Amino acid sequence: MIPVIWAANILGWPILHIAIGFIAIRVPSHSFAHDTWLTTPRPWEQDGYLYRDWFAIRRWKFLLPDGAPWLGGVPKKKLRERNSAYFAQFLIETRRAEIAHWCMLACLPLFFIWNPPWARWIMTAYALSANLPCILVQRYNRLTLNRIARIGCTAPVHL
C-alpha cells in the first residue's frame, strides 16, 4: 500500500470518530428524548439481561473510554445522581452515544473505496471492535435504567 492510503486509514478513523462525536454532542437533547427504530428495545434483549448474562458487560465495560467529556459532552461512565431528572438525561445521552457509534460504524464503506480486499477485512475488524462494544454498553445501560424506572427502584443502581 502506498503511504497516502496508510495515512488515510490511520488518520481517517480518529478524524471520523471525533467529528461524529463532536456533531452528536451538539445535536439538541430533545432529538434523543425518545427511542427511534434503531434504539428501541427489542424483545430478544430481555430488558438488558442478554447483555448482562450473555456478554457479561458489567465485567468489561469499565475498560471502554468515554469520549463525550473530551468533546464537551456528558460523562456516562457512572451514574452521578439518583433522581428521575438525571435518569431521563442519562437515557438521552445513551441514545446519543449509541446513534453516534452507529454513524461511526456506517462510515466503514468509505474505507472500501481505497483499500484492497485484505485491508478491507482489517478496516471491518477495527470498525466493529471500536463501535459494537460501545453500542452494546449503551443499550445495556438504557435497558437497565428503563427497567429501574418501571419498577420505581430507589436503591443504589449498579449499571
N, C-alpha and C. Protein backbone atom coordinates (compact mmCIF):
# COMPACT_ATOMS: atom_id res chain seq x y z
N MET A 1 0.85 -1.19 0.00
CA MET A 1 0.00 0.00 0.00
C MET A 1 0.88 1.23 0.00
N ILE A 2 0.40 2.24 -0.66
CA ILE A 2 1.17 3.48 -0.74
C ILE A 2 0.93 4.31 0.52
N PRO A 3 1.87 5.20 0.84
CA PRO A 3 1.78 5.98 2.08
C PRO A 3 0.49 6.78 2.25
N VAL A 4 -0.05 7.30 1.17
CA VAL A 4 -1.28 8.09 1.31
C VAL A 4 -2.46 7.22 1.77
N ILE A 5 -2.48 5.95 1.35
CA ILE A 5 -3.54 5.05 1.80
C ILE A 5 -3.34 4.69 3.27
N TRP A 6 -2.09 4.45 3.66
CA TRP A 6 -1.80 4.21 5.08
C TRP A 6 -2.26 5.40 5.92
N ALA A 7 -1.94 6.61 5.45
CA ALA A 7 -2.34 7.82 6.18
C ALA A 7 -3.86 7.94 6.26
N ALA A 8 -4.53 7.66 5.14
CA ALA A 8 -6.00 7.74 5.13
C ALA A 8 -6.60 6.75 6.12
N ASN A 9 -6.02 5.57 6.22
CA ASN A 9 -6.53 4.56 7.15
C ASN A 9 -6.23 4.93 8.60
N ILE A 10 -5.01 5.33 8.86
CA ILE A 10 -4.59 5.60 10.23
C ILE A 10 -5.21 6.88 10.78
N LEU A 11 -5.34 7.91 9.94
CA LEU A 11 -5.92 9.17 10.39
C LEU A 11 -7.42 9.25 10.18
N GLY A 12 -7.91 8.50 9.20
CA GLY A 12 -9.33 8.58 8.86
C GLY A 12 -10.26 8.21 9.98
N TRP A 13 -9.98 7.09 10.62
CA TRP A 13 -10.88 6.65 11.71
C TRP A 13 -10.91 7.64 12.87
N PRO A 14 -9.77 8.06 13.40
CA PRO A 14 -9.86 9.03 14.52
C PRO A 14 -10.56 10.33 14.13
N ILE A 15 -10.31 10.79 12.91
CA ILE A 15 -10.96 12.03 12.47
C ILE A 15 -12.47 11.82 12.41
N LEU A 16 -12.91 10.70 11.84
CA LEU A 16 -14.34 10.42 11.77
C LEU A 16 -14.96 10.27 13.16
N HIS A 17 -14.29 9.55 14.04
CA HIS A 17 -14.81 9.36 15.40
C HIS A 17 -14.97 10.70 16.11
N ILE A 18 -13.96 11.53 16.04
CA ILE A 18 -14.02 12.83 16.70
C ILE A 18 -15.08 13.72 16.07
N ALA A 19 -15.12 13.77 14.74
CA ALA A 19 -16.09 14.63 14.05
C ALA A 19 -17.52 14.20 14.35
N ILE A 20 -17.80 12.92 14.26
CA ILE A 20 -19.16 12.43 14.53
C ILE A 20 -19.52 12.66 16.00
N GLY A 21 -18.59 12.38 16.91
CA GLY A 21 -18.84 12.63 18.32
C GLY A 21 -19.09 14.10 18.59
N PHE A 22 -18.31 14.96 17.99
CA PHE A 22 -18.45 16.41 18.16
C PHE A 22 -19.83 16.87 17.68
N ILE A 23 -20.24 16.38 16.52
CA ILE A 23 -21.55 16.75 15.97
C ILE A 23 -22.67 16.19 16.85
N ALA A 24 -22.56 14.94 17.24
CA ALA A 24 -23.62 14.31 18.04
C ALA A 24 -23.84 15.04 19.36
N ILE A 25 -22.78 15.50 19.97
CA ILE A 25 -22.90 16.21 21.24
C ILE A 25 -23.63 17.53 21.07
N ARG A 26 -23.55 18.11 19.90
CA ARG A 26 -24.17 19.40 19.65
C ARG A 26 -25.59 19.32 19.10
N VAL A 27 -26.06 18.12 18.82
CA VAL A 27 -27.46 17.95 18.42
C VAL A 27 -28.32 18.17 19.67
N PRO A 28 -29.40 18.93 19.55
CA PRO A 28 -30.23 19.20 20.73
C PRO A 28 -30.73 17.92 21.40
N SER A 29 -30.75 17.95 22.72
CA SER A 29 -31.13 16.77 23.50
C SER A 29 -32.53 16.26 23.15
N HIS A 30 -33.45 17.16 22.81
CA HIS A 30 -34.81 16.70 22.52
C HIS A 30 -34.84 15.75 21.31
N SER A 31 -33.81 15.78 20.48
CA SER A 31 -33.73 14.86 19.35
C SER A 31 -33.53 13.41 19.79
N PHE A 32 -33.06 13.23 21.02
CA PHE A 32 -32.79 11.89 21.55
C PHE A 32 -33.73 11.55 22.71
N ALA A 33 -34.80 12.32 22.87
CA ALA A 33 -35.69 12.14 24.01
C ALA A 33 -36.48 10.84 23.96
N HIS A 34 -36.65 10.28 22.75
CA HIS A 34 -37.42 9.04 22.62
C HIS A 34 -36.66 8.07 21.73
N ASP A 35 -36.95 6.80 21.94
CA ASP A 35 -36.32 5.78 21.11
C ASP A 35 -36.80 5.90 19.67
N THR A 36 -35.90 5.58 18.76
CA THR A 36 -36.23 5.50 17.34
C THR A 36 -36.25 4.03 16.95
N TRP A 37 -36.49 3.75 15.69
CA TRP A 37 -36.48 2.36 15.22
C TRP A 37 -35.12 1.72 15.50
N LEU A 38 -34.06 2.53 15.53
CA LEU A 38 -32.72 1.99 15.77
C LEU A 38 -32.46 1.71 17.24
N THR A 39 -32.95 2.57 18.12
CA THR A 39 -32.63 2.46 19.54
C THR A 39 -33.72 1.77 20.37
N THR A 40 -34.83 1.48 19.77
CA THR A 40 -35.92 0.88 20.54
C THR A 40 -35.51 -0.49 21.10
N PRO A 41 -35.92 -0.78 22.31
CA PRO A 41 -35.61 -2.10 22.89
C PRO A 41 -36.29 -3.21 22.11
N ARG A 42 -35.58 -4.30 21.96
CA ARG A 42 -36.10 -5.47 21.25
C ARG A 42 -36.43 -6.56 22.26
N PRO A 43 -37.45 -7.36 21.98
CA PRO A 43 -37.80 -8.44 22.93
C PRO A 43 -36.64 -9.38 23.21
N TRP A 44 -35.82 -9.67 22.22
CA TRP A 44 -34.72 -10.61 22.41
C TRP A 44 -33.63 -10.06 23.34
N GLU A 45 -33.66 -8.75 23.63
CA GLU A 45 -32.67 -8.19 24.56
C GLU A 45 -33.02 -8.48 26.01
N GLN A 46 -34.23 -8.93 26.26
CA GLN A 46 -34.67 -9.37 27.58
C GLN A 46 -34.42 -8.32 28.67
N ASP A 47 -34.81 -7.08 28.38
CA ASP A 47 -34.65 -5.99 29.36
C ASP A 47 -33.21 -5.78 29.80
N GLY A 48 -32.26 -6.14 28.97
CA GLY A 48 -30.85 -5.96 29.30
C GLY A 48 -30.18 -7.18 29.88
N TYR A 49 -30.96 -8.18 30.23
CA TYR A 49 -30.36 -9.39 30.80
C TYR A 49 -29.46 -10.11 29.80
N LEU A 50 -29.79 -10.03 28.53
CA LEU A 50 -28.94 -10.62 27.50
C LEU A 50 -27.53 -10.05 27.58
N TYR A 51 -27.45 -8.74 27.70
CA TYR A 51 -26.14 -8.09 27.75
C TYR A 51 -25.40 -8.41 29.05
N ARG A 52 -26.14 -8.43 30.14
CA ARG A 52 -25.51 -8.72 31.43
C ARG A 52 -25.05 -10.17 31.52
N ASP A 53 -25.91 -11.10 31.11
CA ASP A 53 -25.61 -12.51 31.30
C ASP A 53 -24.79 -13.11 30.16
N TRP A 54 -25.17 -12.83 28.93
CA TRP A 54 -24.50 -13.43 27.78
C TRP A 54 -23.18 -12.73 27.47
N PHE A 55 -23.18 -11.39 27.45
CA PHE A 55 -21.98 -10.63 27.11
C PHE A 55 -21.16 -10.22 28.33
N ALA A 56 -21.69 -10.45 29.52
CA ALA A 56 -21.00 -10.10 30.77
C ALA A 56 -20.49 -8.66 30.75
N ILE A 57 -21.32 -7.76 30.31
CA ILE A 57 -20.93 -6.36 30.12
C ILE A 57 -20.39 -5.73 31.40
N ARG A 58 -20.98 -6.06 32.52
CA ARG A 58 -20.52 -5.42 33.77
C ARG A 58 -19.07 -5.75 34.09
N ARG A 59 -18.54 -6.83 33.53
CA ARG A 59 -17.15 -7.22 33.79
C ARG A 59 -16.14 -6.40 33.00
N TRP A 60 -16.53 -5.86 31.84
CA TRP A 60 -15.54 -5.21 30.98
C TRP A 60 -15.90 -3.80 30.54
N LYS A 61 -17.11 -3.35 30.81
CA LYS A 61 -17.50 -2.04 30.28
C LYS A 61 -16.67 -0.89 30.85
N PHE A 62 -16.13 -1.06 32.03
CA PHE A 62 -15.30 0.00 32.64
C PHE A 62 -14.02 0.23 31.83
N LEU A 63 -13.64 -0.72 31.01
CA LEU A 63 -12.43 -0.59 30.20
C LEU A 63 -12.60 0.34 29.00
N LEU A 64 -13.85 0.58 28.61
CA LEU A 64 -14.10 1.42 27.44
C LEU A 64 -13.92 2.89 27.79
N PRO A 65 -13.34 3.66 26.88
CA PRO A 65 -13.22 5.10 27.13
C PRO A 65 -14.58 5.78 26.93
N ASP A 66 -14.78 6.86 27.62
CA ASP A 66 -15.97 7.69 27.42
C ASP A 66 -15.49 8.95 26.74
N GLY A 67 -15.70 9.03 25.43
CA GLY A 67 -15.20 10.14 24.65
C GLY A 67 -15.98 11.43 24.81
N ALA A 68 -17.22 11.36 25.30
CA ALA A 68 -18.06 12.55 25.40
C ALA A 68 -17.42 13.68 26.21
N PRO A 69 -16.85 13.42 27.39
CA PRO A 69 -16.26 14.53 28.15
C PRO A 69 -15.09 15.21 27.42
N TRP A 70 -14.39 14.46 26.58
CA TRP A 70 -13.27 15.04 25.83
C TRP A 70 -13.77 16.08 24.83
N LEU A 71 -15.03 15.91 24.41
CA LEU A 71 -15.59 16.78 23.38
C LEU A 71 -16.62 17.76 23.94
N GLY A 72 -16.73 17.82 25.26
CA GLY A 72 -17.67 18.75 25.88
C GLY A 72 -19.03 18.14 26.19
N GLY A 73 -19.13 16.81 26.14
CA GLY A 73 -20.40 16.14 26.39
C GLY A 73 -20.55 15.66 27.82
N VAL A 74 -21.63 14.97 28.07
CA VAL A 74 -21.97 14.45 29.41
C VAL A 74 -21.27 13.11 29.64
N PRO A 75 -20.56 12.97 30.75
CA PRO A 75 -19.91 11.68 31.04
C PRO A 75 -20.96 10.60 31.32
N LYS A 76 -20.65 9.39 30.86
CA LYS A 76 -21.57 8.27 31.06
C LYS A 76 -20.89 7.08 31.72
N LYS A 77 -19.74 7.27 32.28
CA LYS A 77 -19.03 6.16 32.92
C LYS A 77 -19.79 5.62 34.13
N LYS A 78 -20.41 6.52 34.89
CA LYS A 78 -21.16 6.08 36.06
C LYS A 78 -22.26 7.07 36.36
N LEU A 79 -23.26 6.59 37.06
CA LEU A 79 -24.36 7.46 37.47
C LEU A 79 -23.87 8.38 38.58
N ARG A 80 -24.13 9.65 38.43
CA ARG A 80 -23.67 10.62 39.42
C ARG A 80 -24.77 10.98 40.42
N GLU A 81 -26.03 10.77 40.02
CA GLU A 81 -27.17 11.10 40.88
C GLU A 81 -28.19 9.99 40.81
N ARG A 82 -29.15 10.04 41.72
CA ARG A 82 -30.20 9.02 41.77
C ARG A 82 -31.57 9.71 41.80
N ASN A 83 -31.90 10.41 40.74
CA ASN A 83 -33.22 11.03 40.67
C ASN A 83 -33.75 10.92 39.24
N SER A 84 -35.05 11.09 39.10
CA SER A 84 -35.69 10.85 37.80
C SER A 84 -35.22 11.81 36.72
N ALA A 85 -34.95 13.06 37.06
CA ALA A 85 -34.49 14.03 36.06
C ALA A 85 -33.12 13.62 35.52
N TYR A 86 -32.24 13.21 36.41
CA TYR A 86 -30.91 12.77 35.97
C TYR A 86 -31.01 11.49 35.15
N PHE A 87 -31.85 10.55 35.58
CA PHE A 87 -32.05 9.32 34.82
C PHE A 87 -32.53 9.64 33.40
N ALA A 88 -33.48 10.58 33.30
CA ALA A 88 -34.01 10.97 31.98
C ALA A 88 -32.89 11.52 31.10
N GLN A 89 -32.04 12.38 31.66
CA GLN A 89 -30.92 12.93 30.89
C GLN A 89 -29.91 11.84 30.53
N PHE A 90 -29.68 10.93 31.45
CA PHE A 90 -28.74 9.83 31.18
C PHE A 90 -29.26 8.96 30.04
N LEU A 91 -30.57 8.71 30.01
CA LEU A 91 -31.17 7.94 28.92
C LEU A 91 -30.97 8.65 27.58
N ILE A 92 -31.14 9.95 27.58
CA ILE A 92 -30.91 10.74 26.36
C ILE A 92 -29.46 10.57 25.91
N GLU A 93 -28.54 10.64 26.84
CA GLU A 93 -27.12 10.54 26.49
C GLU A 93 -26.75 9.14 26.00
N THR A 94 -27.42 8.11 26.51
CA THR A 94 -27.14 6.76 25.99
C THR A 94 -27.63 6.63 24.56
N ARG A 95 -28.78 7.23 24.26
CA ARG A 95 -29.27 7.21 22.87
C ARG A 95 -28.33 7.98 21.96
N ARG A 96 -27.89 9.14 22.42
CA ARG A 96 -26.97 9.97 21.64
C ARG A 96 -25.69 9.18 21.32
N ALA A 97 -25.14 8.53 22.34
CA ALA A 97 -23.90 7.77 22.15
C ALA A 97 -24.12 6.57 21.23
N GLU A 98 -25.23 5.87 21.42
CA GLU A 98 -25.49 4.72 20.57
C GLU A 98 -25.61 5.14 19.10
N ILE A 99 -26.38 6.18 18.84
CA ILE A 99 -26.55 6.64 17.47
C ILE A 99 -25.23 7.13 16.89
N ALA A 100 -24.43 7.82 17.69
CA ALA A 100 -23.12 8.27 17.22
C ALA A 100 -22.26 7.08 16.81
N HIS A 101 -22.26 6.03 17.61
CA HIS A 101 -21.44 4.86 17.28
C HIS A 101 -21.99 4.11 16.06
N TRP A 102 -23.31 4.09 15.88
CA TRP A 102 -23.85 3.50 14.65
C TRP A 102 -23.41 4.32 13.44
N CYS A 103 -23.39 5.65 13.58
CA CYS A 103 -22.93 6.51 12.47
C CYS A 103 -21.45 6.26 12.17
N MET A 104 -20.66 6.10 13.21
CA MET A 104 -19.24 5.80 13.01
C MET A 104 -19.07 4.48 12.27
N LEU A 105 -19.81 3.49 12.68
CA LEU A 105 -19.75 2.18 12.03
C LEU A 105 -20.22 2.27 10.57
N ALA A 106 -21.19 3.13 10.31
CA ALA A 106 -21.71 3.30 8.95
C ALA A 106 -20.68 3.91 8.00
N CYS A 107 -19.62 4.48 8.53
CA CYS A 107 -18.56 5.05 7.69
C CYS A 107 -17.64 3.99 7.10
N LEU A 108 -17.77 2.76 7.53
CA LEU A 108 -16.91 1.68 7.06
C LEU A 108 -16.82 1.59 5.53
N PRO A 109 -17.93 1.67 4.81
CA PRO A 109 -17.81 1.55 3.34
C PRO A 109 -16.90 2.59 2.69
N LEU A 110 -16.72 3.74 3.32
CA LEU A 110 -15.78 4.73 2.78
C LEU A 110 -14.38 4.14 2.64
N PHE A 111 -13.99 3.34 3.60
CA PHE A 111 -12.64 2.77 3.60
C PHE A 111 -12.49 1.66 2.56
N PHE A 112 -13.61 1.17 2.05
CA PHE A 112 -13.55 0.17 0.99
C PHE A 112 -13.17 0.80 -0.34
N ILE A 113 -13.35 2.09 -0.46
CA ILE A 113 -13.09 2.78 -1.73
C ILE A 113 -11.61 2.67 -2.10
N TRP A 114 -10.72 2.91 -1.17
CA TRP A 114 -9.29 2.98 -1.49
C TRP A 114 -8.47 1.79 -0.99
N ASN A 115 -9.09 0.89 -0.28
CA ASN A 115 -8.33 -0.24 0.26
C ASN A 115 -8.49 -1.50 -0.58
N PRO A 116 -7.42 -2.28 -0.65
CA PRO A 116 -7.52 -3.59 -1.31
C PRO A 116 -8.34 -4.53 -0.42
N PRO A 117 -8.79 -5.65 -0.97
CA PRO A 117 -9.65 -6.57 -0.21
C PRO A 117 -9.08 -6.99 1.15
N TRP A 118 -7.80 -7.31 1.22
CA TRP A 118 -7.25 -7.75 2.50
C TRP A 118 -7.32 -6.64 3.56
N ALA A 119 -7.14 -5.39 3.15
CA ALA A 119 -7.21 -4.26 4.09
C ALA A 119 -8.65 -3.96 4.48
N ARG A 120 -9.59 -4.27 3.61
CA ARG A 120 -11.00 -4.08 3.95
C ARG A 120 -11.39 -4.96 5.15
N TRP A 121 -10.83 -6.16 5.21
CA TRP A 121 -11.08 -7.03 6.36
C TRP A 121 -10.53 -6.41 7.64
N ILE A 122 -9.38 -5.80 7.55
CA ILE A 122 -8.79 -5.14 8.72
C ILE A 122 -9.63 -3.94 9.14
N MET A 123 -10.08 -3.15 8.17
CA MET A 123 -10.92 -1.99 8.46
C MET A 123 -12.25 -2.44 9.09
N THR A 124 -12.80 -3.52 8.60
CA THR A 124 -14.05 -4.05 9.16
C THR A 124 -13.84 -4.51 10.59
N ALA A 125 -12.75 -5.22 10.83
CA ALA A 125 -12.45 -5.69 12.20
C ALA A 125 -12.29 -4.50 13.14
N TYR A 126 -11.59 -3.46 12.67
CA TYR A 126 -11.41 -2.28 13.51
C TYR A 126 -12.76 -1.61 13.79
N ALA A 127 -13.54 -1.37 12.75
CA ALA A 127 -14.81 -0.66 12.90
C ALA A 127 -15.74 -1.40 13.87
N LEU A 128 -15.81 -2.71 13.74
CA LEU A 128 -16.66 -3.49 14.63
C LEU A 128 -16.13 -3.48 16.07
N SER A 129 -14.84 -3.67 16.23
CA SER A 129 -14.28 -3.72 17.59
C SER A 129 -14.29 -2.36 18.28
N ALA A 130 -14.25 -1.29 17.52
CA ALA A 130 -14.25 0.05 18.12
C ALA A 130 -15.66 0.55 18.43
N ASN A 131 -16.67 0.01 17.77
CA ASN A 131 -18.01 0.56 17.94
C ASN A 131 -19.03 -0.39 18.57
N LEU A 132 -19.00 -1.66 18.22
CA LEU A 132 -20.00 -2.57 18.77
C LEU A 132 -19.98 -2.66 20.30
N PRO A 133 -18.81 -2.75 20.94
CA PRO A 133 -18.84 -2.78 22.41
C PRO A 133 -19.51 -1.53 23.01
N CYS A 134 -19.26 -0.38 22.41
CA CYS A 134 -19.87 0.86 22.91
C CYS A 134 -21.38 0.84 22.71
N ILE A 135 -21.82 0.35 21.56
CA ILE A 135 -23.25 0.24 21.29
C ILE A 135 -23.90 -0.71 22.29
N LEU A 136 -23.28 -1.84 22.53
CA LEU A 136 -23.83 -2.82 23.47
C LEU A 136 -23.94 -2.23 24.88
N VAL A 137 -22.92 -1.51 25.31
CA VAL A 137 -22.95 -0.92 26.65
C VAL A 137 -24.05 0.13 26.76
N GLN A 138 -24.22 0.95 25.74
CA GLN A 138 -25.27 1.97 25.80
C GLN A 138 -26.65 1.33 25.83
N ARG A 139 -26.83 0.29 25.07
CA ARG A 139 -28.12 -0.41 25.08
C ARG A 139 -28.35 -1.06 26.45
N TYR A 140 -27.34 -1.71 26.98
CA TYR A 140 -27.45 -2.33 28.31
C TYR A 140 -27.82 -1.29 29.36
N ASN A 141 -27.10 -0.17 29.37
CA ASN A 141 -27.37 0.88 30.37
C ASN A 141 -28.80 1.40 30.24
N ARG A 142 -29.22 1.66 29.01
CA ARG A 142 -30.56 2.21 28.80
C ARG A 142 -31.64 1.20 29.21
N LEU A 143 -31.47 -0.05 28.83
CA LEU A 143 -32.45 -1.06 29.20
C LEU A 143 -32.52 -1.25 30.71
N THR A 144 -31.38 -1.21 31.35
CA THR A 144 -31.34 -1.35 32.81
C THR A 144 -32.04 -0.17 33.48
N LEU A 145 -31.76 1.04 33.01
CA LEU A 145 -32.42 2.22 33.59
C LEU A 145 -33.92 2.22 33.31
N ASN A 146 -34.31 1.78 32.14
CA ASN A 146 -35.74 1.68 31.83
C ASN A 146 -36.43 0.71 32.79
N ARG A 147 -35.78 -0.42 33.05
CA ARG A 147 -36.34 -1.41 33.97
C ARG A 147 -36.43 -0.83 35.38
N ILE A 148 -35.41 -0.12 35.80
CA ILE A 148 -35.41 0.51 37.13
C ILE A 148 -36.53 1.54 37.23
N ALA A 149 -36.69 2.34 36.18
CA ALA A 149 -37.74 3.36 36.18
C ALA A 149 -39.13 2.71 36.26
N ARG A 150 -39.32 1.60 35.56
CA ARG A 150 -40.62 0.90 35.58
C ARG A 150 -40.96 0.38 36.96
N ILE A 151 -40.00 -0.14 37.68
CA ILE A 151 -40.29 -0.71 38.99
C ILE A 151 -40.15 0.31 40.11
N GLY A 152 -39.65 1.52 39.79
CA GLY A 152 -39.54 2.57 40.78
C GLY A 152 -38.50 2.31 41.85
N CYS A 153 -37.40 1.72 41.47
CA CYS A 153 -36.34 1.37 42.42
C CYS A 153 -35.59 2.62 42.87
N THR A 154 -35.39 2.75 44.17
CA THR A 154 -34.61 3.86 44.70
C THR A 154 -33.32 3.38 45.36
N ALA A 155 -33.10 2.09 45.31
CA ALA A 155 -31.86 1.53 45.88
C ALA A 155 -30.68 1.89 44.99
N PRO A 156 -29.45 1.74 45.47
CA PRO A 156 -28.29 2.02 44.63
C PRO A 156 -28.34 1.23 43.33
N VAL A 157 -27.95 1.88 42.27
CA VAL A 157 -28.02 1.29 40.95
C VAL A 157 -26.62 0.91 40.49
N HIS A 158 -26.45 -0.33 40.09
CA HIS A 158 -25.19 -0.79 39.55
C HIS A 158 -25.41 -1.14 38.08
N LEU A 159 -24.99 -0.25 37.23
CA LEU A 159 -25.17 -0.49 35.80
C LEU A 159 -24.13 -1.45 35.28
